[in-house]
Amino acid sequence: MNSIIATLLVAIMLLFYSCSKKAEETRVLVVRDSLPAMFTKDVNTLVSDSGIIRYKIIAKEWMIFDKKSPSYWSFEKGVYLEKFDTLLHVEASIEADTAYFFDKKKLWELKGNIHIKNQKEETFDTEQLFWDQNTKRVYSKKFIRIQQIDKVITGYGFESNEQFTNYEIRNSGGIFPFDTSSNDSIRTDSIQKDSLN
């Protein structure tokens, strides 16, 4: 009888030990830094800097990961931003498929179908863009297409101020209009076929 009770006690202790071990393993799997501190849907908000409204953010989802290293905001389902001047005029609008804001560095990383419009009605299209709020510079190493009123400029590599009004394009090319009604145009029918080969 004593051996049955002893065996039963050992079995109960093993059962409790295995249950507590499973609970401990479950706690290890749920690490706090893998969960967002904030998750918001259908965002339409204004963001201020030093008491002045500087940005408008519209997004389907906004997550803040404050325990990640480095900490960041995540806009996985797209984002629309407007940057305001001190009189609340829109200096630039930016759309992207995905965006991350590294809050400690004050650095935005935008990815996928990025479309930007400045006050001069110029549009900028690229696939990746960084916006450093500390240096007030925007830059990319990717292909960029800039539509101006009278021409299109393309290139690989780009740097600009935050307003997208003073910019530099590296490895540039472009499409420039010319007047086809001018007498100086080339007659294609006068070019010999052999000279094209």
C-alpha atoms as a PDB file:
ATOM      1  CA  MET A   1       0.000   0.000   0.000  1.00  0.00           C
ATOM      2  CA  ASN A   2       2.833   2.420   0.903  1.00  0.00           C
ATOM      3  CA  SER A   3       4.528   1.727  -2.434  1.00  0.00           C
ATOM      4  CA  ILE A   4       1.290   2.558  -4.292  1.00  0.00           C
ATOM      5  CA  ILE A   5       0.961   5.886  -2.415  1.00  0.00           C
ATOM      6  CA  ALA A   6       4.633   6.674  -3.039  1.00  0.00           C
ATOM      7  CA  THR A   7       4.258   5.893  -6.752  1.00  0.00           C
ATOM      8  CA  LEU A   8       1.108   8.014  -6.931  1.00  0.00           C
ATOM      9  CA  LEU A   9       2.885  10.971  -5.233  1.00  0.00           C
ATOM     10  CA  VAL A  10       5.818  10.690  -7.636  1.00  0.00           C
ATOM     11  CA  ALA A  11       3.405  10.638 -10.619  1.00  0.00           C
ATOM     12  CA  ILE A  12       1.570  13.751  -9.306  1.00  0.00           C
ATOM     13  CA  MET A  13       4.866  15.596  -8.755  1.00  0.00           C
ATOM     14  CA  LEU A  14       6.017  14.718 -12.298  1.00  0.00           C
ATOM     15  CA  LEU A  15       2.675  15.910 -13.671  1.00  0.00           C
ATOM     16  CA  PHE A  16       2.967  19.280 -11.858  1.00  0.00           C
ATOM     17  CA  TYR A  17       6.598  19.606 -12.938  1.00  0.00           C
ATOM     18  CA  SER A  18       5.759  18.996 -16.634  1.00  0.00           C
ATOM     19  CA  CYS A  19       2.806  21.452 -16.461  1.00  0.00           C
ATOM     20  CA  SER A  20       4.950  24.165 -14.900  1.00  0.00           C
ATOM     21  CA  LYS A  21       7.665  23.478 -17.486  1.00  0.00           C
ATOM     22  CA  LYS A  22       5.110  23.962 -20.323  1.00  0.00           C
ATOM     23  CA  ALA A  23       3.886  27.232 -18.781  1.00  0.00           C
ATOM     24  CA  GLU A  24       7.481  28.450 -18.552  1.00  0.00           C
ATOM     25  CA  GLU A  25       8.100  27.523 -22.200  1.00  0.00           C
ATOM     26  CA  THR A  26       4.939  29.403 -23.232  1.00  0.00           C
ATOM     27  CA  ARG A  27       6.124  32.529 -21.446  1.00  0.00           C
ATOM     28  CA  VAL A  28       9.448  32.375 -23.292  1.00  0.00           C
ATOM     29  CA  LEU A  29       7.680  32.279 -26.668  1.00  0.00           C
ATOM     30  CA  VAL A  30       5.754  35.522 -26.004  1.00  0.00           C
ATOM     31  CA  VAL A  31       8.566  38.065 -25.939  1.00  0.00           C
ATOM     32  CA  ARG A  32       7.407  41.635 -25.274  1.00  0.00           C
ATOM     33  CA  ASP A  33       9.552  43.204 -28.000  1.00  0.00           C
ATOM     34  CA  SER A  34       7.803  41.182 -30.719  1.00  0.00           C
ATOM     35  CA  LEU A  35       4.437  42.799 -29.923  1.00  0.00           C
ATOM     36  CA  PRO A  36       3.495  46.386 -30.759  1.00  0.00           C
ATOM     37  CA  ALA A  37       2.956  48.763 -27.841  1.00  0.00           C
ATOM     38  CA  MET A  38       0.244  50.399 -29.942  1.00  0.00           C
ATOM     39  CA  PHE A  39      -1.846  49.109 -32.835  1.00  0.00           C
ATOM     40  CA  THR A  40      -4.294  51.487 -34.513  1.00  0.00           C
ATOM     41  CA  LYS A  41      -6.493  51.082 -37.594  1.00  0.00           C
ATOM     42  CA  ASP A  42      -7.816  53.762 -39.959  1.00  0.00           C
ATOM     43  CA  VAL A  43      -5.446  56.488 -38.789  1.00  0.00           C
ATOM     44  CA  ASN A  44      -5.974  60.151 -39.694  1.00  0.00           C
ATOM     45  CA  THR A  45      -3.863  62.257 -37.338  1.00  0.00           C
ATOM     46  CA  LEU A  46      -1.755  65.397 -37.057  1.00  0.00           C
ATOM     47  CA  VAL A  47       1.751  65.250 -35.586  1.00  0.00           C
ATOM     48  CA  SER A  48       3.393  68.263 -33.957  1.00  0.00           C
ATOM     49  CA  ASP A  49       7.043  69.094 -33.408  1.00  0.00           C
ATOM     50  CA  SER A  50       7.909  71.591 -30.653  1.00  0.00           C
ATOM     51  CA  GLY A  51       4.235  72.543 -30.343  1.00  0.00           C
ATOM     52  CA  ILE A  52       3.783  73.280 -34.067  1.00  0.00           C
ATOM     53  CA  ILE A  53       1.742  70.996 -36.341  1.00  0.00           C
ATOM     54  CA  ARG A  54       4.191  69.643 -38.906  1.00  0.00           C
ATOM     55  CA  TYR A  55       2.711  66.481 -40.413  1.00  0.00           C
ATOM     56  CA  LYS A  56      -0.548  64.776 -41.294  1.00  0.00           C
ATOM     57  CA  ILE A  57      -0.538  60.966 -41.382  1.00  0.00           C
ATOM     58  CA  ILE A  58      -3.225  58.805 -42.983  1.00  0.00           C
ATOM     59  CA  ALA A  59      -2.795  55.014 -42.814  1.00  0.00           C
ATOM     60  CA  LYS A  60      -4.836  51.811 -42.687  1.00  0.00           C
ATOM     61  CA  GLU A  61      -2.660  50.471 -39.848  1.00  0.00           C
ATOM     62  CA  TRP A  62      -0.103  52.040 -37.512  1.00  0.00           C
ATOM     63  CA  MET A  63       1.986  49.981 -35.103  1.00  0.00           C
ATOM     64  CA  ILE A  64       4.568  51.241 -32.623  1.00  0.00           C
ATOM     65  CA  PHE A  65       7.310  48.837 -31.536  1.00  0.00           C
ATOM     66  CA  ASP A  66       8.876  50.661 -28.584  1.00  0.00           C
ATOM     67  CA  LYS A  67      10.815  47.643 -27.231  1.00  0.00           C
ATOM     68  CA  LYS A  68      12.573  46.757 -30.493  1.00  0.00           C
ATOM     69  CA  SER A  69      16.164  47.812 -30.975  1.00  0.00           C
ATOM     70  CA  PRO A  70      15.974  50.277 -32.621  1.00  0.00           C
ATOM     71  CA  SER A  71      12.391  51.250 -31.796  1.00  0.00           C
ATOM     72  CA  TYR A  72      10.166  52.199 -34.733  1.00  0.00           C
ATOM     73  CA  TRP A  73       6.704  52.954 -36.074  1.00  0.00           C
ATOM     74  CA  SER A  74       5.397  50.621 -38.774  1.00  0.00           C
ATOM     75  CA  PHE A  75       2.949  51.353 -41.602  1.00  0.00           C
ATOM     76  CA  GLU A  76       2.785  47.973 -43.354  1.00  0.00           C
ATOM     77  CA  LYS A  77      -0.411  48.668 -45.331  1.00  0.00           C
ATOM     78  CA  GLY A  78       0.614  51.984 -46.831  1.00  0.00           C
ATOM     79  CA  VAL A  79       0.877  55.575 -45.671  1.00  0.00           C
ATOM     80  CA  TYR A  80       0.037  59.070 -46.897  1.00  0.00           C
ATOM     81  CA  LEU A  81       1.979  62.000 -45.367  1.00  0.00           C
ATOM     82  CA  GLU A  82       1.687  65.732 -45.722  1.00  0.00           C
ATOM     83  CA  LYS A  83       4.475  68.027 -44.505  1.00  0.00           C
ATOM     84  CA  PHE A  84       3.399  71.531 -43.453  1.00  0.00           C
ATOM     85  CA  ASP A  85       5.319  74.785 -43.191  1.00  0.00           C
ATOM     86  CA  THR A  86       4.837  77.111 -40.184  1.00  0.00           C
ATOM     87  CA  LEU A  87       1.707  78.623 -41.798  1.00  0.00           C
ATOM     88  CA  LEU A  88       0.208  75.123 -42.322  1.00  0.00           C
ATOM     89  CA  HIS A  89       0.676  75.204 -46.097  1.00  0.00           C
ATOM     90  CA  VAL A  90       1.447  71.779 -47.568  1.00  0.00           C
ATOM     91  CA  GLU A  91       5.121  71.756 -48.591  1.00  0.00           C
ATOM     92  CA  ALA A  92       5.058  68.184 -49.897  1.00  0.00           C
ATOM     93  CA  SER A  93       2.814  65.122 -49.950  1.00  0.00           C
ATOM     94  CA  ILE A  94       4.196  61.592 -49.901  1.00  0.00           C
ATOM     95  CA  GLU A  95       2.528  58.214 -50.539  1.00  0.00           C
ATOM     96  CA  ALA A  96       4.159  54.795 -50.148  1.00  0.00           C
ATOM     97  CA  ASP A  97       3.139  51.125 -49.964  1.00  0.00           C
ATOM     98  CA  THR A  98       5.142  50.623 -46.742  1.00  0.00           C
ATOM     99  CA  ALA A  99       6.900  52.962 -44.317  1.00  0.00           C
ATOM    100  CA  TYR A 100       8.969  52.736 -41.140  1.00  0.00           C
ATOM    101  CA  PHE A 101       9.808  55.636 -38.851  1.00  0.00           C
ATOM    102  CA  PHE A 102      12.786  55.084 -36.528  1.00  0.00           C
ATOM    103  CA  ASP A 103      11.758  57.509 -33.782  1.00  0.00           C
ATOM    104  CA  LYS A 104      15.086  57.794 -31.926  1.00  0.00           C
ATOM    105  CA  LYS A 105      16.995  58.521 -35.160  1.00  0.00           C
ATOM    106  CA  LYS A 106      14.124  60.602 -36.645  1.00  0.00           C
ATOM    107  CA  LEU A 107      14.575  58.640 -39.871  1.00  0.00           C
ATOM    108  CA  TRP A 108      11.825  57.534 -42.282  1.00  0.00           C
ATOM    109  CA  GLU A 109      12.295  54.625 -44.665  1.00  0.00           C
ATOM    110  CA  LEU A 110       9.651  54.395 -47.397  1.00  0.00           C
ATOM    111  CA  LYS A 111       9.288  51.425 -49.733  1.00  0.00           C
ATOM    112  CA  GLY A 112       7.265  50.538 -52.812  1.00  0.00           C
ATOM    113  CA  ASN A 113       5.368  52.797 -55.242  1.00  0.00           C
ATOM    114  CA  ILE A 114       6.494  56.040 -53.653  1.00  0.00           C
ATOM    115  CA  HIS A 115       4.770  59.087 -55.115  1.00  0.00           C
ATOM    116  CA  ILE A 116       5.703  62.610 -53.994  1.00  0.00           C
ATOM    117  CA  LYS A 117       4.292  65.995 -54.990  1.00  0.00           C
ATOM    118  CA  ASN A 118       5.846  69.370 -54.153  1.00  0.00           C
ATOM    119  CA  GLN A 119       4.481  72.940 -54.163  1.00  0.00           C
ATOM    120  CA  LYS A 120       5.674  73.453 -57.752  1.00  0.00           C
ATOM    121  CA  GLU A 121       3.379  70.602 -58.889  1.00  0.00           C
ATOM    122  CA  GLU A 122       6.416  68.437 -59.697  1.00  0.00           C
ATOM    123  CA  THR A 123       5.997  64.715 -59.018  1.00  0.00           C
ATOM    124  CA  PHE A 124       8.665  62.252 -57.909  1.00  0.00           C
ATOM    125  CA  ASP A 125       8.338  58.469 -58.282  1.00  0.00           C
ATOM    126  CA  THR A 126      10.723  55.856 -56.870  1.00  0.00           C
ATOM    127  CA  GLU A 127      10.785  52.506 -55.014  1.00  0.00           C
ATOM    128  CA  GLN A 128      12.801  53.414 -51.908  1.00  0.00           C
ATOM    129  CA  LEU A 129      13.386  56.688 -50.103  1.00  0.00           C
ATOM    130  CA  PHE A 130      14.976  57.807 -46.830  1.00  0.00           C
ATOM    131  CA  TRP A 131      13.985  61.007 -45.050  1.00  0.00           C
ATOM    132  CA  ASP A 132      16.331  62.180 -42.274  1.00  0.00           C
ATOM    133  CA  GLN A 133      14.512  64.753 -40.146  1.00  0.00           C
ATOM    134  CA  ASN A 134      17.699  65.633 -38.239  1.00  0.00           C
ATOM    135  CA  THR A 135      19.567  66.755 -41.362  1.00  0.00           C
ATOM    136  CA  LYS A 136      16.340  67.780 -43.161  1.00  0.00           C
ATOM    137  CA  ARG A 137      17.438  65.761 -46.201  1.00  0.00           C
ATOM    138  CA  VAL A 138      15.674  63.193 -48.383  1.00  0.00           C
ATOM    139  CA  TYR A 139      17.711  60.683 -50.406  1.00  0.00           C
ATOM    140  CA  SER A 140      17.636  57.466 -52.401  1.00  0.00           C
ATOM    141  CA  LYS A 141      20.047  55.270 -54.373  1.00  0.00           C
ATOM    142  CA  LYS A 142      17.223  53.785 -56.462  1.00  0.00           C
ATOM    143  CA  PHE A 143      15.839  54.809 -59.841  1.00  0.00           C
ATOM    144  CA  ILE A 144      13.810  58.028 -59.666  1.00  0.00           C
ATOM    145  CA  ARG A 145      11.509  59.707 -62.161  1.00  0.00           C
ATOM    146  CA  ILE A 146      10.710  63.411 -61.802  1.00  0.00           C
ATOM    147  CA  GLN A 147       7.879  64.905 -63.830  1.00  0.00           C
ATOM    148  CA  GLN A 148       8.289  68.640 -64.209  1.00  0.00           C
ATOM    149  CA  ILE A 149       5.872  70.917 -66.085  1.00  0.00           C
ATOM    150  CA  ASP A 150       7.816  70.773 -69.359  1.00  0.00           C
ATOM    151  CA  LYS A 151      10.067  67.722 -69.046  1.00  0.00           C
ATOM    152  CA  VAL A 152      10.781  64.359 -67.380  1.00  0.00           C
ATOM    153  CA  ILE A 153      14.089  63.736 -65.608  1.00  0.00           C
ATOM    154  CA  THR A 154      15.256  60.272 -64.575  1.00  0.00           C
ATOM    155  CA  GLY A 155      18.267  58.970 -62.731  1.00  0.00           C
ATOM    156  CA  TYR A 156      19.769  56.557 -60.215  1.00  0.00           C
ATOM    157  CA  GLY A 157      20.452  58.334 -56.952  1.00  0.00           C
ATOM    158  CA  PHE A 158      18.762  61.397 -55.577  1.00  0.00           C
ATOM    159  CA  GLU A 159      19.132  63.927 -52.746  1.00  0.00           C
ATOM    160  CA  SER A 160      16.820  66.796 -51.831  1.00  0.00           C
ATOM    161  CA  ASN A 161      15.682  69.189 -49.141  1.00  0.00           C
ATOM    162  CA  GLU A 162      12.455  68.263 -47.269  1.00  0.00           C
ATOM    163  CA  GLN A 163      10.330  70.473 -49.512  1.00  0.00           C
ATOM    164  CA  PHE A 164      11.587  68.723 -52.702  1.00  0.00           C
ATOM    165  CA  THR A 165      12.434  72.113 -54.220  1.00  0.00           C
ATOM    166  CA  ASN A 166      16.252  71.921 -54.232  1.00  0.00           C
ATOM    167  CA  TYR A 167      17.419  68.526 -55.441  1.00  0.00           C
ATOM    168  CA  GLU A 168      20.289  66.735 -57.142  1.00  0.00           C
ATOM    169  CA  ILE A 169      19.970  63.674 -59.369  1.00  0.00           C
ATOM    170  CA  ARG A 170      22.877  61.321 -60.031  1.00  0.00           C
ATOM    171  CA  ASN A 171      23.345  59.341 -63.265  1.00  0.00           C
ATOM    172  CA  SER A 172      20.611  61.444 -64.829  1.00  0.00           C
ATOM    173  CA  GLY A 173      18.832  61.296 -68.138  1.00  0.00           C
ATOM    174  CA  GLY A 174      15.609  62.771 -69.346  1.00  0.00           C
ATOM    175  CA  ILE A 175      12.946  63.399 -71.901  1.00  0.00           C
ATOM    176  CA  PHE A 176      12.905  66.960 -73.157  1.00  0.00           C
ATOM    177  CA  PRO A 177      10.282  68.388 -75.521  1.00  0.00           C
ATOM    178  CA  PHE A 178      11.210  69.858 -78.874  1.00  0.00           C
ATOM    179  CA  ASP A 179       9.237  71.692 -81.494  1.00  0.00           C
ATOM    180  CA  THR A 180       8.376  69.306 -84.361  1.00  0.00           C
ATOM    181  CA  SER A 181       7.016  72.134 -86.520  1.00  0.00           C
ATOM    182  CA  SER A 182      10.474  73.719 -86.850  1.00  0.00           C
ATOM    183  CA  ASN A 183      12.268  73.641 -90.216  1.00  0.00           C
ATOM    184  CA  ASP A 184      15.374  72.413 -88.409  1.00  0.00           C
ATOM    185  CA  SER A 185      13.925  68.959 -87.733  1.00  0.00           C
ATOM    186  CA  ILE A 186      15.513  65.911 -89.382  1.00  0.00           C
ATOM    187  CA  ARG A 187      13.720  64.347 -92.318  1.00  0.00           C
ATOM    188  CA  THR A 188      13.612  60.610 -91.690  1.00  0.00           C
ATOM    189  CA  ASP A 189      12.814  59.804 -95.323  1.00  0.00           C
ATOM    190  CA  SER A 190      16.160  61.255 -96.449  1.00  0.00           C
ATOM    191  CA  ILE A 191      18.269  58.922 -94.284  1.00  0.00           C
ATOM    192  CA  GLN A 192      19.606  55.974 -96.243  1.00  0.00           C
ATOM    193  CA  LYS A 193      18.696  52.550 -94.900  1.00  0.00           C
ATOM    194  CA  ASP A 194      22.348  51.393 -94.812  1.00  0.00           C
ATOM    195  CA  SER A 195      23.386  54.281 -92.562  1.00  0.00           C
ATOM    196  CA  LEU A 196      21.111  53.000 -89.785  1.00  0.00           C
ATOM    197  CA  ASN A 197      22.882  49.643 -89.528  1.00  0.00           C
END
